[in-house]
Amino acid sequence: MGAQWPTVTTILSIQSSVAYGHVGNSAATFPLMRVGCEVWPVLTVHFSNNTSYPGKKGPLLRPEDVHDVVAGIDDLGVLGRVDAVLTGYQGAPAMGAEILEVVALVKQRNPQAIYCCDPVMGDVGRGMYVLPGIPEFVRDHVVAAADVMTPNHFELNFLTGRESSTLDEVLDAAGALRAQGPEVVLVTSVVVDGAADDTVMMVAVDGEGAWGVTTPLLGRTFTGSGDLTAAMFLAALLATGSPERAVGRTADVVYSVLERTTQLDQRELALVAAQDDLVSPRFTFEVTRLR
């Protein structure tokens, strides 16, 4: 696919930040800027490093801090320029509640703005890894407010109260999630019965249909890859208005970055080394219509 990135799109990204490595806003801001988006990062934490390391240092910011930062932006009279709010790991239900207030304010200033929520909660093999109350808050309050959601397969099952092990069941669950609020659902890390062990699928669903992309597994995990995926999908969706094109572009970009990271044997995403892949990915994958 040819480059389809926006040139004048503004994203308010409310996420964690680390000084060393790439997760949260530290995984989303540079890639979004590199593909042509204006990004206004609002931090929920500012840690020395991500939590996969033995220790970390740095402040956990309060909901009041997020409120003050966004209020300061609003005081400048520019909040209406925001085309989308992007959020990831929310920390605590109180932070989630503040984020919903921010989303409401942004939509008041610009009714065309959309909210893209990556409901970071858990994964297969790890279960839930967030504080108690977060999954329920996301399920009971955030889903209804989101226009776009990017759960992984595990999170999709929790949010819909279903178990999905076939592709049809995944598509039905994505449809059930759409019925609760979001117009577009991207399901990542989809593994279904009968799929090859060395592949993984990404599925995008909206009111017009469902599309899937299958990519090879690289034999390791990548901290921050979900944050990169959500950011790239939102950028491509804003640029094209097409979930089909957005899921294809996202798969191409993310796999290319992860392959370069593996090639360089880096623990953290090789975003700088792979920055050209953000714009012109080296790998391309076929998008298949599923429904």
Foldseek 3Di string as FASTA:
>chain_A
DAFQFDAEAEEEEEFAEEPDFAAGCSPFVVLNVLSHYHYHYHHQWYWNDDPVDPDIDGGRHDLVSSVVVLVVVVVVVCLQRHQEYEYEDQQDLRSVVSVLVSLVVSCVSHVNHFYEYALPADDPPGHGDGDPPSLVSCLPPVLQRHQEYEYEQVSLCSSQVHDAAAPVSSLVSQVSSVVNHHQKYKYWQDHHPPDDPQKGKIKMDGPVAIKMWIDGHPPDDAHRLSVNLSSQLVRSCVRPVDNQRSRQLSVQLSVQQVVVCVVVVHNHGPCVVCVVCSRVGPDGTDMGTDD
